[in-house]
N, C-alpha and C. Protein backbone atom coordinates (compact mmCIF):
# COMPACT_ATOMS: atom_id res chain seq x y z
N MET A 1 -66.60 55.60 5.01
CA MET A 1 -65.73 55.98 6.11
C MET A 1 -65.65 57.51 6.11
N THR A 2 -65.75 58.09 7.28
CA THR A 2 -65.70 59.54 7.40
C THR A 2 -64.28 60.03 7.15
N SER A 3 -64.15 61.30 6.79
CA SER A 3 -62.82 61.85 6.53
C SER A 3 -61.98 61.87 7.81
N SER A 4 -62.63 62.08 8.99
CA SER A 4 -61.86 62.09 10.24
C SER A 4 -61.33 60.69 10.56
N LEU A 5 -62.12 59.65 10.24
CA LEU A 5 -61.66 58.28 10.47
C LEU A 5 -60.52 57.97 9.51
N LYS A 6 -60.64 58.37 8.24
CA LYS A 6 -59.56 58.15 7.28
C LYS A 6 -58.28 58.84 7.75
N ALA A 7 -58.41 60.07 8.23
CA ALA A 7 -57.24 60.80 8.71
C ALA A 7 -56.64 60.11 9.92
N SER A 8 -57.47 59.59 10.80
CA SER A 8 -56.99 58.91 11.99
C SER A 8 -56.28 57.62 11.64
N LEU A 9 -56.83 56.87 10.70
CA LEU A 9 -56.17 55.64 10.27
C LEU A 9 -54.85 55.97 9.60
N MET A 10 -54.78 57.08 8.89
CA MET A 10 -53.55 57.52 8.27
C MET A 10 -52.51 57.83 9.33
N THR A 11 -52.94 58.44 10.45
CA THR A 11 -52.02 58.73 11.55
C THR A 11 -51.40 57.45 12.07
N VAL A 12 -52.22 56.42 12.25
CA VAL A 12 -51.70 55.13 12.71
C VAL A 12 -50.76 54.55 11.67
N ALA A 13 -51.11 54.67 10.39
CA ALA A 13 -50.26 54.15 9.32
C ALA A 13 -48.90 54.84 9.30
N LEU A 14 -48.87 56.13 9.60
CA LEU A 14 -47.63 56.89 9.55
C LEU A 14 -46.65 56.52 10.67
N CYS A 15 -47.11 55.72 11.63
CA CYS A 15 -46.22 55.33 12.73
C CYS A 15 -45.14 54.38 12.25
N GLY A 16 -45.26 53.90 11.00
CA GLY A 16 -44.26 52.98 10.48
C GLY A 16 -44.66 51.54 10.66
N CYS A 17 -45.87 51.30 11.16
CA CYS A 17 -46.34 49.94 11.42
C CYS A 17 -47.27 49.44 10.33
N ALA A 18 -47.61 50.27 9.37
CA ALA A 18 -48.64 49.92 8.40
C ALA A 18 -48.10 49.06 7.27
N HIS A 19 -48.95 48.22 6.77
CA HIS A 19 -48.72 47.50 5.53
C HIS A 19 -50.08 47.21 4.94
N ALA A 20 -50.11 46.68 3.74
CA ALA A 20 -51.39 46.46 3.07
C ALA A 20 -52.28 45.51 3.87
N VAL A 21 -53.56 45.82 3.91
CA VAL A 21 -54.53 44.97 4.59
C VAL A 21 -55.09 44.03 3.54
N ALA A 22 -54.72 42.75 3.62
CA ALA A 22 -55.14 41.78 2.63
C ALA A 22 -56.60 41.36 2.82
N ILE A 23 -56.97 40.99 4.00
CA ILE A 23 -58.31 40.48 4.27
C ILE A 23 -59.08 41.42 5.19
N GLY A 24 -58.44 41.90 6.21
CA GLY A 24 -59.09 42.79 7.16
C GLY A 24 -58.10 43.22 8.22
N GLN A 25 -58.53 44.14 9.05
CA GLN A 25 -57.69 44.60 10.16
C GLN A 25 -58.52 44.66 11.41
N ALA A 26 -58.03 44.01 12.45
CA ALA A 26 -58.66 44.07 13.77
C ALA A 26 -57.85 45.04 14.61
N THR A 27 -58.52 46.07 15.11
CA THR A 27 -57.88 47.08 15.95
C THR A 27 -58.55 47.05 17.31
N THR A 28 -57.75 46.95 18.36
CA THR A 28 -58.27 46.93 19.73
C THR A 28 -57.64 48.07 20.51
N LEU A 29 -58.48 48.83 21.22
CA LEU A 29 -57.99 49.92 22.06
C LEU A 29 -57.41 49.34 23.34
N PHE A 30 -56.30 49.91 23.78
CA PHE A 30 -55.45 49.36 24.83
C PHE A 30 -55.34 50.30 26.02
N SER A 31 -55.28 49.69 27.21
CA SER A 31 -54.95 50.43 28.42
C SER A 31 -54.08 49.54 29.30
N ALA A 32 -52.86 49.97 29.54
CA ALA A 32 -51.90 49.16 30.30
C ALA A 32 -52.34 48.90 31.73
N ASN A 33 -53.17 49.76 32.29
CA ASN A 33 -53.57 49.64 33.70
C ASN A 33 -54.95 49.04 33.89
N CYS A 34 -55.50 48.42 32.89
CA CYS A 34 -56.86 47.89 32.96
C CYS A 34 -56.84 46.39 33.23
N PRO A 35 -57.45 45.94 34.33
CA PRO A 35 -57.51 44.51 34.62
C PRO A 35 -58.23 43.72 33.52
N CYS A 36 -59.20 44.34 32.88
CA CYS A 36 -59.92 43.68 31.79
C CYS A 36 -58.97 43.45 30.61
N GLN A 37 -58.13 44.44 30.31
CA GLN A 37 -57.14 44.30 29.25
C GLN A 37 -56.18 43.15 29.59
N ASP A 38 -55.69 43.16 30.83
CA ASP A 38 -54.78 42.09 31.27
C ASP A 38 -55.41 40.72 31.08
N ALA A 39 -56.68 40.60 31.48
CA ALA A 39 -57.37 39.32 31.42
C ALA A 39 -57.54 38.84 29.97
N HIS A 40 -57.63 39.76 29.03
CA HIS A 40 -57.88 39.39 27.63
C HIS A 40 -56.61 39.20 26.81
N ASP A 41 -55.45 39.45 27.37
CA ASP A 41 -54.21 39.33 26.60
C ASP A 41 -54.08 37.97 25.92
N GLU A 42 -54.29 36.90 26.65
CA GLU A 42 -54.12 35.56 26.09
C GLU A 42 -55.12 35.32 24.94
N ARG A 43 -56.35 35.75 25.14
CA ARG A 43 -57.36 35.57 24.08
C ARG A 43 -57.01 36.39 22.84
N LEU A 44 -56.48 37.58 23.03
CA LEU A 44 -56.10 38.42 21.91
C LEU A 44 -54.95 37.79 21.12
N ILE A 45 -53.98 37.24 21.83
CA ILE A 45 -52.86 36.56 21.18
C ILE A 45 -53.35 35.33 20.43
N GLU A 46 -54.27 34.56 21.02
CA GLU A 46 -54.83 33.38 20.36
C GLU A 46 -55.56 33.76 19.07
N LEU A 47 -56.30 34.85 19.11
CA LEU A 47 -57.00 35.32 17.93
C LEU A 47 -56.01 35.69 16.83
N TYR A 48 -54.96 36.38 17.21
CA TYR A 48 -53.90 36.73 16.26
C TYR A 48 -53.31 35.46 15.63
N GLN A 49 -52.98 34.48 16.47
CA GLN A 49 -52.36 33.25 15.96
C GLN A 49 -53.29 32.49 15.01
N ARG A 50 -54.58 32.58 15.23
CA ARG A 50 -55.55 31.90 14.38
C ARG A 50 -55.75 32.63 13.05
N TYR A 51 -55.84 33.95 13.07
CA TYR A 51 -56.26 34.68 11.89
C TYR A 51 -55.16 35.42 11.13
N GLN A 52 -54.04 35.71 11.76
CA GLN A 52 -52.96 36.41 11.06
C GLN A 52 -52.47 35.61 9.86
N PRO A 53 -52.31 34.27 9.97
CA PRO A 53 -51.87 33.51 8.79
C PRO A 53 -52.87 33.54 7.63
N LEU A 54 -54.12 33.93 7.93
CA LEU A 54 -55.14 34.01 6.89
C LEU A 54 -55.23 35.42 6.29
N GLY A 55 -54.35 36.32 6.73
CA GLY A 55 -54.29 37.65 6.15
C GLY A 55 -54.93 38.75 6.97
N VAL A 56 -55.37 38.45 8.18
CA VAL A 56 -55.96 39.48 9.02
C VAL A 56 -54.85 40.15 9.82
N ARG A 57 -54.80 41.46 9.75
CA ARG A 57 -53.79 42.25 10.45
C ARG A 57 -54.34 42.67 11.81
N PHE A 58 -53.50 42.64 12.83
CA PHE A 58 -53.88 43.03 14.18
C PHE A 58 -53.04 44.22 14.64
N VAL A 59 -53.72 45.21 15.21
CA VAL A 59 -53.05 46.37 15.77
C VAL A 59 -53.73 46.71 17.09
N VAL A 60 -52.93 46.97 18.09
CA VAL A 60 -53.44 47.43 19.37
C VAL A 60 -53.06 48.90 19.49
N VAL A 61 -54.03 49.75 19.86
CA VAL A 61 -53.83 51.19 19.87
C VAL A 61 -53.96 51.73 21.29
N ASP A 62 -52.93 52.42 21.73
CA ASP A 62 -52.96 53.10 23.03
C ASP A 62 -53.34 54.55 22.77
N ALA A 63 -54.60 54.86 23.11
CA ALA A 63 -55.12 56.21 22.87
C ALA A 63 -55.21 57.03 24.14
N ASN A 64 -54.72 56.49 25.25
CA ASN A 64 -54.76 57.24 26.51
C ASN A 64 -53.89 58.48 26.41
N TYR A 65 -54.26 59.52 27.12
CA TYR A 65 -53.45 60.75 27.06
C TYR A 65 -52.07 60.52 27.66
N THR A 66 -51.89 59.47 28.44
CA THR A 66 -50.59 59.14 29.03
C THR A 66 -49.75 58.23 28.11
N ALA A 67 -50.26 57.90 26.93
CA ALA A 67 -49.57 56.97 26.03
C ALA A 67 -48.18 57.48 25.68
N ALA A 68 -47.22 56.55 25.69
CA ALA A 68 -45.83 56.87 25.33
C ALA A 68 -45.24 55.67 24.60
N LEU A 69 -44.58 55.94 23.50
CA LEU A 69 -44.04 54.87 22.65
C LEU A 69 -43.13 53.92 23.42
N ASP A 70 -42.18 54.44 24.20
CA ASP A 70 -41.26 53.58 24.95
C ASP A 70 -42.01 52.66 25.90
N HIS A 71 -42.99 53.20 26.60
CA HIS A 71 -43.80 52.41 27.53
C HIS A 71 -44.58 51.33 26.78
N ASP A 72 -45.14 51.68 25.63
CA ASP A 72 -45.93 50.71 24.87
C ASP A 72 -45.06 49.61 24.27
N ILE A 73 -43.86 49.94 23.86
CA ILE A 73 -42.94 48.91 23.37
C ILE A 73 -42.63 47.93 24.49
N ALA A 74 -42.38 48.44 25.69
CA ALA A 74 -42.12 47.58 26.85
C ALA A 74 -43.35 46.74 27.19
N GLN A 75 -44.54 47.34 27.13
CA GLN A 75 -45.77 46.60 27.41
C GLN A 75 -45.97 45.46 26.41
N ALA A 76 -45.73 45.73 25.14
CA ALA A 76 -45.89 44.70 24.11
C ALA A 76 -44.93 43.53 24.38
N GLN A 77 -43.71 43.85 24.81
CA GLN A 77 -42.74 42.79 25.12
C GLN A 77 -43.15 42.01 26.37
N GLU A 78 -43.56 42.72 27.42
CA GLU A 78 -43.99 42.05 28.66
C GLU A 78 -45.19 41.14 28.43
N ARG A 79 -46.09 41.57 27.59
CA ARG A 79 -47.32 40.82 27.33
C ARG A 79 -47.13 39.77 26.24
N HIS A 80 -45.95 39.73 25.64
CA HIS A 80 -45.63 38.79 24.56
C HIS A 80 -46.54 38.97 23.35
N TYR A 81 -46.89 40.23 23.07
CA TYR A 81 -47.72 40.52 21.91
C TYR A 81 -46.92 40.29 20.63
N PRO A 82 -47.44 39.54 19.69
CA PRO A 82 -46.78 39.37 18.40
C PRO A 82 -47.19 40.45 17.39
N PHE A 83 -47.89 41.46 17.86
CA PHE A 83 -48.37 42.58 17.04
C PHE A 83 -48.00 43.87 17.75
N PRO A 84 -48.01 44.98 17.04
CA PRO A 84 -47.57 46.24 17.66
C PRO A 84 -48.65 46.88 18.54
N ILE A 85 -48.18 47.66 19.50
CA ILE A 85 -49.03 48.64 20.17
C ILE A 85 -48.59 49.98 19.59
N VAL A 86 -49.52 50.69 19.01
CA VAL A 86 -49.20 51.99 18.44
C VAL A 86 -49.86 53.08 19.26
N VAL A 87 -49.25 54.23 19.28
CA VAL A 87 -49.76 55.38 20.02
C VAL A 87 -50.68 56.18 19.10
N ASP A 88 -51.81 56.59 19.65
CA ASP A 88 -52.79 57.41 18.93
C ASP A 88 -52.64 58.85 19.43
N PRO A 89 -51.75 59.63 18.80
CA PRO A 89 -51.48 60.99 19.29
C PRO A 89 -52.76 61.84 19.33
N GLY A 90 -53.02 62.39 20.48
CA GLY A 90 -54.20 63.24 20.63
C GLY A 90 -55.52 62.48 20.69
N GLY A 91 -55.46 61.16 20.63
CA GLY A 91 -56.68 60.37 20.69
C GLY A 91 -57.56 60.51 19.45
N ALA A 92 -56.96 60.84 18.31
CA ALA A 92 -57.73 61.07 17.09
C ALA A 92 -58.51 59.84 16.64
N LEU A 93 -57.86 58.70 16.62
CA LEU A 93 -58.54 57.47 16.20
C LEU A 93 -59.62 57.09 17.21
N MET A 94 -59.29 57.17 18.50
CA MET A 94 -60.24 56.88 19.56
C MET A 94 -61.51 57.71 19.37
N LYS A 95 -61.34 59.00 19.13
CA LYS A 95 -62.49 59.90 18.95
C LYS A 95 -63.26 59.55 17.69
N ALA A 96 -62.55 59.30 16.59
CA ALA A 96 -63.21 59.00 15.32
C ALA A 96 -64.02 57.71 15.40
N LEU A 97 -63.54 56.75 16.16
CA LEU A 97 -64.24 55.47 16.31
C LEU A 97 -65.32 55.52 17.39
N GLY A 98 -65.29 56.55 18.22
CA GLY A 98 -66.25 56.63 19.32
C GLY A 98 -65.89 55.69 20.46
N ALA A 99 -64.63 55.31 20.56
CA ALA A 99 -64.18 54.38 21.60
C ALA A 99 -64.09 55.07 22.95
N LYS A 100 -64.59 54.40 23.97
CA LYS A 100 -64.54 54.95 25.32
C LYS A 100 -63.88 54.00 26.31
N TYR A 101 -63.71 52.73 25.92
CA TYR A 101 -63.23 51.73 26.86
C TYR A 101 -62.13 50.87 26.26
N ALA A 102 -61.22 50.41 27.12
CA ALA A 102 -60.19 49.46 26.71
C ALA A 102 -60.90 48.18 26.25
N THR A 103 -60.31 47.50 25.33
CA THR A 103 -60.79 46.29 24.65
C THR A 103 -61.85 46.59 23.60
N TYR A 104 -62.20 47.88 23.39
CA TYR A 104 -63.08 48.25 22.29
C TYR A 104 -62.37 47.82 21.02
N SER A 105 -63.05 47.09 20.18
CA SER A 105 -62.43 46.53 18.99
C SER A 105 -63.20 46.92 17.74
N VAL A 106 -62.46 47.09 16.66
CA VAL A 106 -63.03 47.45 15.37
C VAL A 106 -62.44 46.52 14.32
N LEU A 107 -63.28 46.03 13.44
CA LEU A 107 -62.83 45.19 12.33
C LEU A 107 -63.09 45.95 11.03
N LEU A 108 -62.01 46.18 10.28
CA LEU A 108 -62.09 46.85 8.99
C LEU A 108 -61.94 45.83 7.88
N ASP A 109 -62.67 46.05 6.77
CA ASP A 109 -62.46 45.21 5.60
C ASP A 109 -61.34 45.82 4.76
N PRO A 110 -60.92 45.18 3.67
CA PRO A 110 -59.79 45.71 2.88
C PRO A 110 -60.03 47.10 2.31
N GLN A 111 -61.29 47.51 2.18
CA GLN A 111 -61.59 48.85 1.68
C GLN A 111 -61.61 49.89 2.79
N GLY A 112 -61.34 49.47 4.03
CA GLY A 112 -61.31 50.39 5.15
C GLY A 112 -62.67 50.65 5.78
N ARG A 113 -63.67 49.87 5.40
CA ARG A 113 -65.01 50.05 5.99
C ARG A 113 -65.08 49.32 7.33
N VAL A 114 -65.71 49.97 8.29
CA VAL A 114 -65.92 49.35 9.59
C VAL A 114 -67.00 48.29 9.44
N ARG A 115 -66.65 47.03 9.73
CA ARG A 115 -67.60 45.93 9.60
C ARG A 115 -68.09 45.45 10.96
N TYR A 116 -67.30 45.72 12.00
CA TYR A 116 -67.71 45.39 13.37
C TYR A 116 -67.09 46.42 14.29
N ARG A 117 -67.83 46.76 15.36
CA ARG A 117 -67.28 47.62 16.41
C ARG A 117 -67.94 47.23 17.72
N GLY A 118 -67.12 47.22 18.78
CA GLY A 118 -67.66 46.92 20.10
C GLY A 118 -66.69 46.10 20.93
N GLY A 119 -67.24 45.28 21.78
CA GLY A 119 -66.43 44.51 22.71
C GLY A 119 -65.64 43.40 22.04
N PHE A 120 -64.50 43.11 22.64
CA PHE A 120 -63.69 41.97 22.18
C PHE A 120 -64.50 40.69 22.35
N ASP A 121 -65.11 40.54 23.52
CA ASP A 121 -66.04 39.45 23.80
C ASP A 121 -66.97 39.90 24.91
N SER A 122 -67.74 38.98 25.47
CA SER A 122 -68.74 39.35 26.47
C SER A 122 -68.21 39.36 27.90
N ASP A 123 -66.92 39.13 28.08
CA ASP A 123 -66.33 39.06 29.41
C ASP A 123 -65.69 40.37 29.86
N ARG A 124 -65.65 40.53 31.18
CA ARG A 124 -64.87 41.59 31.82
C ARG A 124 -63.69 40.90 32.49
N HIS A 125 -63.70 40.93 33.79
CA HIS A 125 -62.68 40.27 34.60
C HIS A 125 -63.35 39.85 35.89
N PRO A 126 -63.30 38.61 36.30
CA PRO A 126 -62.57 37.49 35.70
C PRO A 126 -63.29 36.96 34.46
N LEU A 127 -62.57 36.15 33.70
CA LEU A 127 -63.10 35.60 32.46
C LEU A 127 -63.95 34.37 32.74
N SER A 128 -64.94 34.16 31.89
CA SER A 128 -65.76 32.96 31.97
C SER A 128 -65.24 31.93 30.96
N GLU A 129 -65.71 30.71 31.09
CA GLU A 129 -65.26 29.66 30.17
C GLU A 129 -65.90 29.77 28.79
N HIS A 130 -67.09 30.34 28.72
CA HIS A 130 -67.83 30.36 27.45
C HIS A 130 -68.39 31.75 27.14
N PRO A 131 -67.51 32.70 26.83
CA PRO A 131 -68.01 34.04 26.50
C PRO A 131 -68.61 34.07 25.09
N LYS A 132 -69.35 35.11 24.81
CA LYS A 132 -69.76 35.38 23.44
C LYS A 132 -68.54 36.00 22.78
N THR A 133 -68.06 35.40 21.72
CA THR A 133 -66.80 35.79 21.10
C THR A 133 -67.03 36.76 19.94
N TYR A 134 -67.38 37.99 20.27
CA TYR A 134 -67.81 38.96 19.27
C TYR A 134 -66.78 39.20 18.16
N LEU A 135 -65.55 39.55 18.52
CA LEU A 135 -64.55 39.87 17.49
C LEU A 135 -64.19 38.61 16.70
N ASP A 136 -64.01 37.50 17.37
CA ASP A 136 -63.71 36.24 16.71
C ASP A 136 -64.81 35.90 15.70
N ASP A 137 -66.05 36.01 16.11
CA ASP A 137 -67.18 35.71 15.22
C ASP A 137 -67.22 36.67 14.03
N ALA A 138 -66.93 37.95 14.29
CA ALA A 138 -66.94 38.95 13.22
C ALA A 138 -65.86 38.66 12.18
N ILE A 139 -64.66 38.29 12.64
CA ILE A 139 -63.57 37.96 11.72
C ILE A 139 -63.95 36.73 10.90
N GLY A 140 -64.49 35.71 11.57
CA GLY A 140 -64.92 34.50 10.88
C GLY A 140 -65.96 34.80 9.80
N ALA A 141 -66.91 35.66 10.11
CA ALA A 141 -67.94 36.04 9.12
C ALA A 141 -67.31 36.76 7.94
N LEU A 142 -66.42 37.72 8.22
CA LEU A 142 -65.76 38.47 7.15
C LEU A 142 -64.97 37.53 6.23
N LEU A 143 -64.26 36.58 6.81
CA LEU A 143 -63.48 35.63 6.02
C LEU A 143 -64.38 34.72 5.18
N ALA A 144 -65.59 34.46 5.67
CA ALA A 144 -66.55 33.61 4.95
C ALA A 144 -67.37 34.40 3.94
N GLY A 145 -67.10 35.72 3.84
CA GLY A 145 -67.82 36.55 2.89
C GLY A 145 -69.19 37.01 3.37
N ARG A 146 -69.42 36.92 4.68
CA ARG A 146 -70.69 37.35 5.26
C ARG A 146 -70.50 38.64 6.06
N ASP A 147 -71.60 39.32 6.30
CA ASP A 147 -71.59 40.48 7.18
C ASP A 147 -71.57 39.99 8.62
N PRO A 148 -70.72 40.57 9.46
CA PRO A 148 -70.73 40.20 10.88
C PRO A 148 -72.10 40.50 11.50
N ASN A 149 -72.58 39.57 12.32
CA ASN A 149 -73.85 39.74 13.01
C ASN A 149 -73.71 39.19 14.42
N PRO A 150 -73.69 40.05 15.42
CA PRO A 150 -73.99 41.48 15.35
C PRO A 150 -72.80 42.27 14.80
N SER A 151 -73.11 43.44 14.29
CA SER A 151 -72.05 44.32 13.77
C SER A 151 -71.62 45.35 14.81
N GLU A 152 -72.35 45.40 15.93
CA GLU A 152 -72.00 46.32 17.01
C GLU A 152 -72.44 45.71 18.34
N THR A 153 -71.55 45.80 19.34
CA THR A 153 -71.85 45.27 20.67
C THR A 153 -71.34 46.23 21.74
N LYS A 154 -71.71 45.92 22.97
CA LYS A 154 -71.26 46.71 24.12
C LYS A 154 -69.82 46.32 24.46
N THR A 155 -69.05 47.31 24.90
CA THR A 155 -67.67 47.06 25.31
C THR A 155 -67.58 47.00 26.82
N LEU A 156 -66.90 45.99 27.33
CA LEU A 156 -66.70 45.82 28.76
C LEU A 156 -65.21 45.97 29.06
N GLY A 157 -64.82 47.14 29.52
CA GLY A 157 -63.42 47.41 29.84
C GLY A 157 -63.33 48.70 30.61
N CYS A 158 -62.12 49.06 30.99
CA CYS A 158 -61.89 50.28 31.74
C CYS A 158 -62.03 51.51 30.85
N ALA A 159 -62.48 52.60 31.42
CA ALA A 159 -62.59 53.84 30.67
C ALA A 159 -61.20 54.29 30.21
N LEU A 160 -61.11 54.68 28.95
CA LEU A 160 -59.85 55.21 28.42
C LEU A 160 -59.62 56.61 29.00
N GLU A 161 -58.36 56.94 29.23
CA GLU A 161 -57.99 58.26 29.75
C GLU A 161 -58.00 59.22 28.57
N ARG A 162 -59.08 59.94 28.44
CA ARG A 162 -59.32 60.77 27.25
C ARG A 162 -58.46 62.02 27.22
N TRP A 163 -58.17 62.45 26.01
CA TRP A 163 -57.40 63.66 25.75
C TRP A 163 -58.26 64.85 26.04
């Protein structure tokens, strides 16, 4: 992991939302105004419900330059997210991960190594019945002790409002 990525993850940890990562951490970049994000809310919650009891931590990161804690707290409540939306001040994490689009997801192992990066799944908006479930498959592989394959995919979402 690069020093800038470590520093960025530390920034997210300092928000008061951090705790030990037992198995892995799934981080998804968020945009409140993205139809693709809206369409994936239910799938993201389902993934959390399936894997959080197995020790996978979920964090949604708002890296847009318009990000505001009060707004994100309200968004998390409106969307019924059982996980936090944290603000990425200055877009440091977004830049370190190379994220450009909402729903860009990263899976970290307990040592903080990036094991998967890319799209949440193969859908944009509207959703299909049978998408390629990239993040779900990556988490399943990590839990089974395998390397995620693919370890990187294309992200289909709205452009993040960069700093």
